N, C-alpha and C. Protein backbone atom coordinates (compact mmCIF):
# COMPACT_ATOMS: atom_id res chain seq x y z
N MET A 1 -56.06 7.00 4.18
CA MET A 1 -57.08 6.40 2.96
C MET A 1 -56.31 5.81 2.30
N GLU A 2 -56.92 4.83 1.41
CA GLU A 2 -56.35 4.41 0.40
C GLU A 2 -57.51 3.84 -0.79
N ARG A 3 -56.90 3.62 -2.10
CA ARG A 3 -57.77 3.19 -3.09
C ARG A 3 -58.04 1.87 -2.84
N THR A 4 -59.32 1.40 -3.16
CA THR A 4 -59.64 0.13 -2.93
C THR A 4 -59.15 -0.71 -4.09
N ASP A 5 -58.50 -2.12 -3.91
CA ASP A 5 -58.10 -2.76 -5.17
C ASP A 5 -59.37 -4.00 -5.23
N GLU A 6 -59.06 -5.00 -5.98
CA GLU A 6 -59.96 -5.98 -6.32
C GLU A 6 -60.13 -6.82 -5.03
N SER A 7 -59.02 -7.18 -4.22
CA SER A 7 -59.30 -8.06 -3.09
C SER A 7 -60.27 -7.63 -2.30
N SER A 8 -60.16 -6.22 -2.10
CA SER A 8 -60.87 -5.63 -1.16
C SER A 8 -62.54 -5.40 -1.37
N CYS A 9 -62.78 -5.46 -2.76
CA CYS A 9 -64.09 -5.76 -3.53
C CYS A 9 -64.55 -6.90 -3.17
N HIS A 10 -63.93 -7.94 -3.50
CA HIS A 10 -64.44 -9.66 -3.02
C HIS A 10 -64.96 -9.48 -1.65
N ARG A 11 -64.34 -8.72 -0.78
CA ARG A 11 -65.26 -9.02 0.53
C ARG A 11 -66.53 -8.14 0.90
N GLY A 12 -66.97 -7.22 -0.61
CA GLY A 12 -68.25 -6.90 -0.18
C GLY A 12 -68.30 -5.39 0.68
N ARG A 13 -67.50 -4.81 0.17
CA ARG A 13 -66.99 -3.35 0.78
C ARG A 13 -67.83 -2.55 -0.28
N ARG A 14 -68.57 -1.42 0.32
CA ARG A 14 -69.33 -0.44 -0.24
C ARG A 14 -68.52 0.43 -1.06
N GLY A 15 -68.55 0.76 -2.34
CA GLY A 15 -67.93 1.85 -3.10
C GLY A 15 -66.82 1.43 -3.96
N CYS A 16 -66.97 -0.23 -4.26
CA CYS A 16 -65.84 -0.91 -5.03
C CYS A 16 -66.20 -0.76 -6.38
N GLU A 17 -67.75 -0.46 -6.46
CA GLU A 17 -68.01 -0.55 -8.08
C GLU A 17 -67.37 0.96 -8.68
N ARG A 18 -67.72 1.99 -7.71
CA ARG A 18 -67.48 3.23 -8.19
C ARG A 18 -65.75 3.58 -8.09
N GLY A 19 -64.91 2.57 -7.60
CA GLY A 19 -63.67 3.25 -7.42
C GLY A 19 -63.25 4.11 -6.15
N GLU A 20 -64.13 4.37 -5.48
CA GLU A 20 -63.99 5.63 -4.30
C GLU A 20 -62.75 5.15 -3.11
N LEU A 21 -62.51 6.11 -2.68
CA LEU A 21 -61.52 5.61 -1.42
C LEU A 21 -62.34 5.42 -0.39
N VAL A 22 -61.77 4.23 0.08
CA VAL A 22 -62.66 3.76 1.33
C VAL A 22 -61.18 3.98 2.36
N SER A 23 -61.91 4.02 3.54
CA SER A 23 -60.83 3.89 4.72
C SER A 23 -60.49 2.41 5.18
N SER A 24 -59.39 2.25 5.62
CA SER A 24 -58.87 0.89 6.12
C SER A 24 -58.97 0.71 7.43
N SER A 25 -59.41 -0.49 7.92
CA SER A 25 -59.12 -1.14 9.00
C SER A 25 -58.01 -1.56 9.47
N SER A 26 -56.75 -1.62 8.73
CA SER A 26 -55.80 -2.24 9.17
C SER A 26 -55.01 -1.31 10.37
N ILE A 27 -54.00 -2.08 11.13
CA ILE A 27 -53.12 -1.20 11.93
C ILE A 27 -52.16 -0.02 11.18
N GLN A 28 -52.32 1.26 11.58
CA GLN A 28 -51.13 2.04 10.93
C GLN A 28 -50.24 2.60 11.76
N PRO A 29 -49.02 2.51 11.12
CA PRO A 29 -47.75 3.11 12.47
C PRO A 29 -47.87 4.38 12.96
N ARG A 30 -47.56 4.75 13.95
CA ARG A 30 -47.52 6.14 14.19
C ARG A 30 -46.14 6.74 14.21
N LEU A 31 -45.81 7.94 14.70
CA LEU A 31 -44.60 8.42 14.25
C LEU A 31 -43.57 7.76 15.29
N ASP A 32 -44.24 7.92 16.56
CA ASP A 32 -43.47 7.76 17.54
C ASP A 32 -43.45 6.11 17.90
N GLY A 33 -43.67 5.38 16.77
CA GLY A 33 -43.27 3.98 16.66
C GLY A 33 -44.69 3.22 17.20
N SER A 34 -44.95 3.46 17.86
CA SER A 34 -46.59 2.52 18.37
C SER A 34 -47.61 2.69 17.06
N THR A 35 -48.79 1.54 17.31
CA THR A 35 -49.25 1.46 16.42
C THR A 35 -50.73 1.76 16.68
N ALA A 36 -51.76 2.23 15.56
CA ALA A 36 -53.02 2.72 16.31
C ALA A 36 -53.94 2.47 15.06
N PRO A 37 -55.48 2.10 15.41
CA PRO A 37 -56.27 1.83 14.23
C PRO A 37 -55.91 2.99 13.32
N ALA A 38 -56.31 2.93 11.99
CA ALA A 38 -56.41 4.15 11.03
C ALA A 38 -57.53 5.11 11.39
N ALA A 39 -57.27 6.01 10.96
CA ALA A 39 -58.12 7.23 11.52
C ALA A 39 -59.22 7.33 10.50
N THR A 40 -60.17 8.15 10.87
CA THR A 40 -61.46 8.38 9.70
C THR A 40 -60.96 9.49 8.49
N SER A 41 -61.31 9.70 7.61
CA SER A 41 -61.01 10.21 6.28
C SER A 41 -60.59 11.52 7.32
N SER A 42 -61.61 12.26 7.56
CA SER A 42 -61.47 13.67 8.11
C SER A 42 -60.47 13.91 9.04
N GLU A 43 -60.41 12.74 9.84
CA GLU A 43 -59.05 13.14 10.34
C GLU A 43 -57.66 12.83 9.80
N GLN A 44 -57.65 12.09 9.03
CA GLN A 44 -56.45 11.48 8.10
C GLN A 44 -55.88 12.60 7.45
N GLY A 45 -56.92 13.79 6.78
CA GLY A 45 -56.81 15.03 5.69
C GLY A 45 -56.28 15.59 6.95
N THR A 46 -56.64 15.96 8.23
CA THR A 46 -55.98 17.13 9.07
C THR A 46 -54.71 16.89 9.69
N ALA A 47 -54.35 15.14 9.70
CA ALA A 47 -53.14 14.90 10.30
C ALA A 47 -51.98 15.16 9.32
N LEU A 48 -52.66 14.62 7.76
CA LEU A 48 -51.67 14.92 6.65
C LEU A 48 -51.44 16.27 6.59
N GLU A 49 -52.19 17.05 6.57
CA GLU A 49 -52.15 18.59 6.51
C GLU A 49 -51.04 19.09 7.42
N SER A 50 -51.24 18.63 8.63
CA SER A 50 -50.44 19.15 9.70
C SER A 50 -49.16 18.41 9.49
N MET A 51 -48.73 17.65 9.23
CA MET A 51 -47.54 16.69 8.98
C MET A 51 -46.86 17.52 7.70
N LEU A 52 -47.72 17.91 6.92
CA LEU A 52 -46.95 18.78 5.65
C LEU A 52 -46.61 20.08 5.86
N ALA A 53 -47.73 20.62 6.59
CA ALA A 53 -46.99 21.99 7.00
C ALA A 53 -45.86 22.22 8.43
N ASP A 54 -45.98 20.66 8.68
CA ASP A 54 -44.59 21.14 9.64
C ASP A 54 -43.51 20.75 9.08
N LEU A 55 -43.30 19.92 7.61
CA LEU A 55 -42.37 19.69 6.90
C LEU A 55 -42.05 20.89 6.15
N ARG A 56 -43.00 21.69 5.84
CA ARG A 56 -42.47 22.86 4.89
C ARG A 56 -41.81 23.82 6.03
N VAL A 57 -42.07 24.14 7.47
CA VAL A 57 -41.64 24.91 7.98
C VAL A 57 -40.55 24.29 8.61
N ARG A 58 -40.10 23.28 8.98
CA ARG A 58 -39.02 22.74 9.28
C ARG A 58 -37.80 22.59 7.92
N HIS A 59 -36.93 23.19 8.48
CA HIS A 59 -35.35 23.39 7.30
C HIS A 59 -34.61 22.23 7.61
N TRP A 60 -34.08 21.64 6.31
CA TRP A 60 -33.08 20.63 6.63
C TRP A 60 -31.76 21.20 7.03
N ARG A 61 -31.12 20.64 7.94
CA ARG A 61 -29.73 21.13 8.31
C ARG A 61 -28.87 19.61 7.85
N PRO A 62 -27.73 20.03 7.25
CA PRO A 62 -26.49 19.19 7.29
C PRO A 62 -26.32 18.40 8.75
N GLY A 63 -26.19 19.23 9.67
CA GLY A 63 -25.75 18.62 11.29
C GLY A 63 -26.70 17.60 11.65
N SER A 64 -28.08 18.06 10.98
CA SER A 64 -29.12 16.82 11.70
C SER A 64 -29.16 15.36 11.64
N MET A 65 -28.80 15.06 10.24
CA MET A 65 -28.54 13.86 9.89
C MET A 65 -27.24 13.24 10.84
N LEU A 66 -26.42 13.87 10.63
CA LEU A 66 -25.07 13.78 11.65
C LEU A 66 -25.39 13.46 12.95
N GLY A 67 -26.01 14.23 13.62
CA GLY A 67 -26.48 14.15 14.93
C GLY A 67 -27.39 12.92 15.04
N ALA A 68 -28.23 12.81 14.41
CA ALA A 68 -28.92 11.88 14.36
C ALA A 68 -28.36 10.40 14.32
N SER A 69 -27.66 10.27 13.23
CA SER A 69 -26.63 8.89 13.20
C SER A 69 -25.66 8.80 14.43
N VAL A 70 -25.04 9.97 14.81
CA VAL A 70 -24.07 9.73 16.23
C VAL A 70 -25.21 9.30 17.49
N GLY A 71 -26.41 9.56 17.38
CA GLY A 71 -27.00 9.28 18.77
C GLY A 71 -27.59 8.12 18.51
N SER A 72 -27.79 7.59 17.42
CA SER A 72 -28.34 5.96 17.10
C SER A 72 -27.26 5.11 17.42
N ALA A 73 -25.86 5.79 16.85
CA ALA A 73 -24.67 4.79 17.10
C ALA A 73 -24.82 4.54 18.61
N MET A 74 -24.72 5.34 19.47
CA MET A 74 -24.49 5.52 20.68
C MET A 74 -25.17 4.69 21.47
N GLU A 75 -26.63 5.09 21.23
CA GLU A 75 -27.66 4.01 21.79
C GLU A 75 -27.32 2.58 21.68
N ALA A 76 -26.74 2.01 20.56
CA ALA A 76 -26.50 0.56 20.13
C ALA A 76 -25.42 0.37 20.78
N LEU A 77 -24.20 1.52 21.04
CA LEU A 77 -23.05 1.02 21.68
C LEU A 77 -23.44 0.67 23.15
N TRP A 78 -24.58 1.73 23.90
CA TRP A 78 -24.93 1.33 25.28
C TRP A 78 -25.85 0.23 25.28
N ALA A 79 -26.47 -0.36 24.34
CA ALA A 79 -27.35 -1.48 24.39
C ALA A 79 -26.38 -2.53 24.46
N ASN A 80 -25.29 -2.60 23.58
CA ASN A 80 -24.39 -3.90 23.65
C ASN A 80 -23.10 -3.56 24.35
N ARG A 81 -22.93 -2.87 26.01
CA ARG A 81 -21.84 -2.93 26.41
C ARG A 81 -20.88 -3.50 26.68
N GLY A 82 -21.27 -4.90 26.57
CA GLY A 82 -20.00 -6.14 26.73
C GLY A 82 -19.26 -5.93 25.65
N ARG A 83 -20.56 -6.32 24.43
CA ARG A 83 -19.60 -6.52 23.01
C ARG A 83 -18.52 -5.40 22.69
N SER A 84 -19.07 -4.19 23.27
CA SER A 84 -18.44 -2.98 22.83
C SER A 84 -17.34 -2.79 23.71
N PHE A 85 -17.08 -3.28 24.90
CA PHE A 85 -16.21 -3.09 25.75
C PHE A 85 -15.12 -3.83 25.13
N LEU A 86 -15.24 -5.22 24.74
CA LEU A 86 -14.59 -6.06 24.50
C LEU A 86 -14.16 -6.08 22.77
N THR A 87 -14.75 -5.35 21.93
CA THR A 87 -13.99 -4.84 20.84
C THR A 87 -13.16 -3.77 20.92
N ALA A 88 -13.29 -2.88 21.97
CA ALA A 88 -12.53 -2.04 21.99
C ALA A 88 -11.05 -2.24 22.66
N LEU A 89 -11.38 -3.32 23.92
CA LEU A 89 -10.29 -3.80 24.29
C LEU A 89 -9.43 -4.49 23.42
N GLY A 90 -10.14 -5.15 22.41
CA GLY A 90 -9.19 -6.30 21.25
C GLY A 90 -8.58 -5.16 20.28
N ILE A 91 -9.09 -3.96 19.80
CA ILE A 91 -8.52 -2.90 19.51
C ILE A 91 -7.26 -2.45 20.15
N PHE A 92 -7.21 -2.05 21.31
CA PHE A 92 -6.13 -1.58 21.86
C PHE A 92 -5.28 -2.45 22.19
N ILE A 93 -5.33 -3.74 22.31
CA ILE A 93 -4.18 -4.51 22.50
C ILE A 93 -3.33 -4.96 21.33
N GLY A 94 -4.58 -4.92 20.18
CA GLY A 94 -3.69 -5.03 19.01
C GLY A 94 -2.76 -4.28 18.33
N VAL A 95 -2.99 -2.77 18.81
CA VAL A 95 -2.65 -1.64 18.59
C VAL A 95 -1.52 -1.74 19.49
N ALA A 96 -1.51 -1.74 20.64
CA ALA A 96 -0.34 -1.95 21.33
C ALA A 96 0.78 -2.87 20.99
N ALA A 97 0.27 -4.27 20.81
CA ALA A 97 1.17 -5.43 19.99
C ALA A 97 2.08 -4.65 19.00
N VAL A 98 1.44 -3.93 18.20
CA VAL A 98 1.66 -3.75 17.02
C VAL A 98 3.08 -2.55 17.16
N ILE A 99 2.46 -1.75 18.21
CA ILE A 99 3.71 -0.68 18.48
C ILE A 99 4.65 -1.03 19.38
N ALA A 100 4.66 -2.26 20.27
CA ALA A 100 5.79 -2.83 21.05
C ALA A 100 6.61 -3.79 19.67
N ALA A 101 6.25 -4.01 18.91
CA ALA A 101 6.89 -5.00 17.71
C ALA A 101 7.51 -4.05 17.28
N LEU A 102 7.31 -2.82 16.87
CA LEU A 102 8.20 -1.95 16.05
C LEU A 102 9.14 -1.48 16.92
N THR A 103 8.62 -1.01 18.09
CA THR A 103 9.83 -0.26 19.04
C THR A 103 10.70 -1.38 19.19
N LEU A 104 10.29 -2.42 19.32
CA LEU A 104 11.42 -3.69 19.90
C LEU A 104 12.62 -3.73 18.81
N THR A 105 11.95 -3.99 17.35
CA THR A 105 12.93 -3.86 15.98
C THR A 105 13.53 -3.03 15.95
N GLN A 106 13.16 -1.59 16.12
CA GLN A 106 14.01 -0.38 15.75
C GLN A 106 14.89 -0.31 16.72
N GLY A 107 14.69 -0.92 18.14
CA GLY A 107 15.80 -0.65 19.52
C GLY A 107 16.95 -1.59 19.12
N ALA A 108 16.51 -2.57 18.49
CA ALA A 108 17.45 -3.77 17.90
C ALA A 108 18.19 -3.21 17.33
N ASP A 109 17.64 -2.52 15.83
CA ASP A 109 18.48 -2.42 14.90
C ASP A 109 19.33 -1.27 15.30
N ALA A 110 19.05 0.02 16.31
CA ALA A 110 19.87 0.99 16.68
C ALA A 110 20.79 0.51 17.50
N TYR A 111 20.80 -0.60 18.36
CA TYR A 111 21.80 -1.25 19.24
C TYR A 111 22.88 -1.77 18.06
N ILE A 112 22.17 -2.55 17.21
CA ILE A 112 23.40 -3.10 16.05
C ILE A 112 24.06 -2.19 15.30
N ASN A 113 23.30 -1.29 15.06
CA ASN A 113 24.08 -0.27 14.17
C ASN A 113 25.23 0.39 15.33
N ASN A 114 24.66 0.73 16.33
CA ASN A 114 25.81 1.41 17.09
C ASN A 114 27.13 0.69 17.38
N GLU A 115 26.80 -0.66 17.75
CA GLU A 115 27.90 -1.54 18.00
C GLU A 115 29.02 -1.77 16.71
N LEU A 116 28.46 -1.62 15.49
CA LEU A 116 29.10 -1.72 14.38
C LEU A 116 29.62 -0.63 14.05
N ASN A 117 29.12 0.55 14.46
CA ASN A 117 29.75 1.95 14.28
C ASN A 117 31.11 2.31 15.28
N THR A 118 30.92 1.63 16.28
CA THR A 118 31.96 1.83 17.48
C THR A 118 33.58 0.98 16.75
N LEU A 119 33.05 -0.15 16.19
CA LEU A 119 34.37 -0.85 15.28
C LEU A 119 35.27 0.19 14.55
N GLY A 120 34.52 1.13 13.91
CA GLY A 120 35.13 1.91 13.01
C GLY A 120 35.46 1.11 11.62
N THR A 121 36.04 1.70 10.99
CA THR A 121 36.28 1.43 9.25
C THR A 121 37.55 0.79 9.24
N THR A 122 38.39 1.07 10.12
CA THR A 122 39.94 0.37 10.27
C THR A 122 40.11 -0.80 10.72
N VAL A 123 38.78 -1.30 11.18
CA VAL A 123 39.23 -2.87 11.74
C VAL A 123 38.78 -3.88 10.90
N PHE A 124 39.50 -4.79 10.24
CA PHE A 124 39.42 -6.12 9.85
C PHE A 124 40.14 -7.34 10.61
N ILE A 125 39.47 -8.14 10.53
CA ILE A 125 39.66 -9.51 11.45
C ILE A 125 39.67 -10.52 10.15
N GLN A 126 40.88 -11.27 10.09
CA GLN A 126 41.20 -12.37 9.53
C GLN A 126 41.43 -13.67 10.27
N GLY A 127 40.75 -14.55 10.56
CA GLY A 127 41.18 -15.84 11.29
C GLY A 127 42.21 -16.61 10.76
N GLY A 128 43.12 -16.94 11.29
CA GLY A 128 44.13 -17.91 10.73
C GLY A 128 43.59 -19.34 10.92
N VAL A 129 43.77 -20.34 10.19
CA VAL A 129 43.54 -21.90 10.21
C VAL A 129 44.34 -22.61 9.66
N THR A 130 44.52 -23.55 10.43
CA THR A 130 45.59 -24.61 9.69
C THR A 130 44.86 -25.61 8.98
N ASN A 131 45.52 -26.37 7.68
CA ASN A 131 45.23 -27.27 7.41
C ASN A 131 45.61 -29.05 7.94
N GLY A 132 44.67 -29.51 8.20
CA GLY A 132 44.82 -30.81 8.94
C GLY A 132 45.02 -31.87 7.91
N PRO A 133 45.14 -33.22 8.49
CA PRO A 133 45.23 -34.23 7.31
C PRO A 133 43.99 -34.33 6.48
N SER A 134 44.05 -34.64 5.15
CA SER A 134 43.44 -34.65 3.85
C SER A 134 42.85 -33.06 3.76
N GLY A 135 43.40 -32.39 3.90
CA GLY A 135 43.06 -30.45 3.90
C GLY A 135 41.98 -30.27 4.85
N VAL A 136 41.67 -30.95 5.81
CA VAL A 136 40.53 -30.45 6.52
C VAL A 136 40.70 -29.35 7.34
N LYS A 137 40.29 -28.33 7.38
CA LYS A 137 40.38 -27.27 8.38
C LYS A 137 40.59 -26.95 9.71
N GLY A 138 41.36 -26.90 10.35
CA GLY A 138 41.52 -26.88 12.08
C GLY A 138 40.16 -25.78 12.36
N GLY A 139 40.45 -26.12 13.74
CA GLY A 139 39.07 -25.48 14.25
C GLY A 139 39.94 -24.67 15.62
N ASN A 140 39.04 -24.65 16.45
CA ASN A 140 39.20 -23.72 17.86
C ASN A 140 40.85 -24.53 18.39
N GLY A 141 41.63 -23.47 18.66
CA GLY A 141 42.93 -23.77 19.46
C GLY A 141 43.69 -24.23 18.26
N SER A 142 43.49 -24.40 17.22
CA SER A 142 44.57 -24.68 16.06
C SER A 142 45.65 -23.37 15.78
N LEU A 143 46.68 -23.96 15.44
CA LEU A 143 47.84 -22.96 15.09
C LEU A 143 47.51 -22.30 13.84
N SER A 144 47.42 -20.62 14.00
CA SER A 144 47.83 -19.76 12.77
C SER A 144 48.32 -19.95 11.68
N THR A 145 47.59 -19.75 10.60
CA THR A 145 48.17 -19.71 9.22
C THR A 145 48.92 -18.26 9.03
N LEU A 146 48.70 -17.32 9.99
CA LEU A 146 49.37 -15.86 9.62
C LEU A 146 50.75 -15.84 10.36
N THR A 147 51.28 -15.27 9.79
CA THR A 147 53.25 -15.03 10.44
C THR A 147 53.44 -13.55 10.56
N PRO A 148 54.29 -13.58 11.60
CA PRO A 148 54.83 -12.03 11.29
C PRO A 148 55.18 -11.38 10.26
N LYS A 149 55.69 -12.35 8.96
CA LYS A 149 55.88 -11.51 7.88
C LYS A 149 54.68 -11.32 7.06
N ASP A 150 53.56 -11.53 7.65
CA ASP A 150 52.44 -11.09 6.85
C ASP A 150 51.92 -9.88 7.36
N VAL A 151 51.96 -9.69 8.86
CA VAL A 151 51.90 -8.54 9.54
C VAL A 151 52.54 -7.37 9.16
N GLN A 152 53.84 -7.62 8.41
CA GLN A 152 54.58 -6.59 8.48
C GLN A 152 54.09 -6.23 6.76
N SER A 153 54.02 -7.18 6.01
CA SER A 153 53.15 -7.09 4.44
C SER A 153 51.90 -6.49 4.34
N LEU A 154 51.28 -6.23 5.70
CA LEU A 154 50.02 -5.52 5.75
C LEU A 154 50.17 -4.09 5.96
N GLU A 155 51.17 -3.84 6.89
CA GLU A 155 51.89 -2.68 7.40
C GLU A 155 52.12 -1.52 6.26
N SER A 156 52.93 -2.48 5.32
CA SER A 156 53.35 -1.82 4.16
C SER A 156 52.37 -1.20 3.02
N VAL A 157 51.04 -1.92 3.11
CA VAL A 157 50.10 -1.52 2.15
C VAL A 157 49.66 -0.21 2.35
N PRO A 158 49.72 0.86 1.79
CA PRO A 158 49.66 2.32 1.79
C PRO A 158 48.12 2.61 2.45
N HIS A 159 46.77 2.17 2.41
CA HIS A 159 45.90 2.77 2.83
C HIS A 159 45.34 1.91 4.09
N VAL A 160 46.12 1.10 4.77
CA VAL A 160 46.19 0.61 5.99
C VAL A 160 46.82 1.51 6.75
N ALA A 161 46.05 1.75 8.18
CA ALA A 161 46.45 2.84 9.13
C ALA A 161 47.27 2.38 9.77
N SER A 162 46.84 0.99 10.35
CA SER A 162 47.31 0.12 11.59
C SER A 162 47.04 -1.28 11.53
N VAL A 163 48.26 -2.04 12.22
CA VAL A 163 47.84 -3.67 11.84
C VAL A 163 48.50 -3.83 13.34
N SER A 164 47.71 -5.22 14.22
CA SER A 164 47.96 -5.98 14.92
C SER A 164 47.85 -7.18 15.17
N PRO A 165 48.72 -8.10 15.40
CA PRO A 165 48.16 -9.59 15.45
C PRO A 165 47.56 -9.98 16.45
N LEU A 166 46.65 -10.85 16.56
CA LEU A 166 46.17 -11.09 17.87
C LEU A 166 46.23 -12.67 17.76
N ILE A 167 46.71 -13.40 19.20
CA ILE A 167 46.57 -14.60 19.20
C ILE A 167 45.78 -15.05 20.34
N GLN A 168 44.70 -15.73 20.53
CA GLN A 168 43.39 -15.82 21.38
C GLN A 168 43.44 -17.36 21.57
N THR A 169 43.64 -17.91 23.03
CA THR A 169 43.49 -19.08 23.25
C THR A 169 42.44 -18.89 24.64
N GLY A 170 41.69 -20.35 25.17
CA GLY A 170 41.20 -20.43 25.98
C GLY A 170 41.82 -21.20 27.11
N ASP A 171 41.71 -20.89 28.22
CA ASP A 171 42.72 -21.74 29.33
C ASP A 171 41.89 -21.24 30.83
N GLN A 172 42.68 -22.08 31.81
CA GLN A 172 42.04 -22.06 33.17
C GLN A 172 42.70 -21.53 34.23
N ALA A 173 42.19 -20.43 34.66
CA ALA A 173 43.12 -19.18 35.64
C ALA A 173 42.84 -20.11 37.13
N VAL A 174 44.05 -19.97 37.69
CA VAL A 174 43.84 -20.62 38.87
C VAL A 174 44.61 -19.61 40.07
N PHE A 175 44.16 -19.63 41.57
CA PHE A 175 44.26 -18.82 42.60
C PHE A 175 43.87 -19.38 43.23
N GLY A 176 44.88 -19.99 44.10
CA GLY A 176 44.72 -20.92 45.17
C GLY A 176 43.86 -22.02 44.87
N LYS A 177 42.47 -22.08 45.70
CA LYS A 177 41.75 -23.05 45.27
C LYS A 177 40.46 -22.89 44.64
N GLN A 178 40.63 -21.66 43.73
CA GLN A 178 39.64 -21.07 43.06
C GLN A 178 39.92 -21.37 41.29
N TYR A 179 39.17 -21.74 40.62
CA TYR A 179 39.28 -21.58 39.38
C TYR A 179 38.35 -21.02 38.17
N TRP A 180 38.98 -20.51 37.02
CA TRP A 180 38.21 -19.56 36.24
C TRP A 180 38.30 -20.20 35.02
N SER A 181 37.53 -20.17 34.09
CA SER A 181 37.62 -20.28 32.47
C SER A 181 37.94 -18.98 31.82
N THR A 182 39.00 -18.99 31.48
CA THR A 182 39.32 -17.33 30.78
C THR A 182 39.77 -17.57 29.29
N GLN A 183 39.67 -16.28 28.60
CA GLN A 183 40.29 -16.41 27.43
C GLN A 183 41.39 -15.51 27.30
N ILE A 184 42.41 -15.78 26.86
CA ILE A 184 43.70 -15.28 26.86
C ILE A 184 43.87 -14.78 25.30
N GLN A 185 44.44 -13.38 25.18
CA GLN A 185 44.41 -12.81 24.05
C GLN A 185 46.06 -12.26 24.00
N GLY A 186 46.73 -12.32 23.03
CA GLY A 186 48.10 -11.87 22.51
C GLY A 186 47.72 -10.87 21.67
N VAL A 187 48.59 -9.57 21.88
CA VAL A 187 48.60 -8.71 20.90
C VAL A 187 49.48 -7.54 20.94
N ASN A 188 49.95 -6.81 20.06
CA ASN A 188 50.90 -5.93 20.42
C ASN A 188 50.76 -4.32 20.74
N THR A 189 51.37 -3.49 20.64
CA THR A 189 50.98 -2.17 21.27
C THR A 189 49.95 -1.41 20.05
N SER A 190 49.98 -1.70 19.01
CA SER A 190 49.22 -0.83 18.24
C SER A 190 47.53 -1.12 18.48
N TYR A 191 47.53 -2.73 18.75
CA TYR A 191 46.32 -2.96 19.05
C TYR A 191 45.18 -1.67 19.93
N GLN A 192 45.59 -0.73 20.78
CA GLN A 192 44.90 0.05 21.47
C GLN A 192 44.31 1.11 20.78
N ALA A 193 45.48 1.27 19.70
CA ALA A 193 45.17 2.48 18.49
C ALA A 193 43.83 2.03 17.89
N ILE A 194 43.88 0.80 17.37
CA ILE A 194 42.76 0.03 16.52
C ILE A 194 41.51 0.43 17.18
N GLN A 195 41.18 -0.04 18.52
CA GLN A 195 40.02 -0.03 19.06
C GLN A 195 39.79 1.25 19.43
């Protein structure tokens, strides 16, 4: 039942002048989602009273809202299965890519730290170079500027534990008709202790 307004009074309904309640002939929604014509005033009163009685008896529980929300979400996911699957797949691939990148980064970092730790704190490598014409530094295969006297001077420093000169060059090794490119290094006996 609804109170009549001026627009319905202009259509010639009875009771407009007195402001009485008249039933509407519009379609009213039901609780189950379907629609039906409006009930008469006695049926509406009975339906309203039964609904109010039902609400008074029913106790509100916090879990009921959560359960309804979860149920609604599951229905929506099931209705859009393809989209839900692709979304879940995208999330899975993204998380896996982040985990793989972090794992590779940490693995490379651990490998480099391990290699540096195997060198120890006693290793210092100083490459010798020669000055060519016009002060240009010599490259690979040039003669070293370090001398045996430099090695003796370094050995006399108190906090230096061991010193070994190293001469390195590349050449070709030949055996019969087989050829190999090799690196040749010359060191003294203290080199093993340094490594």
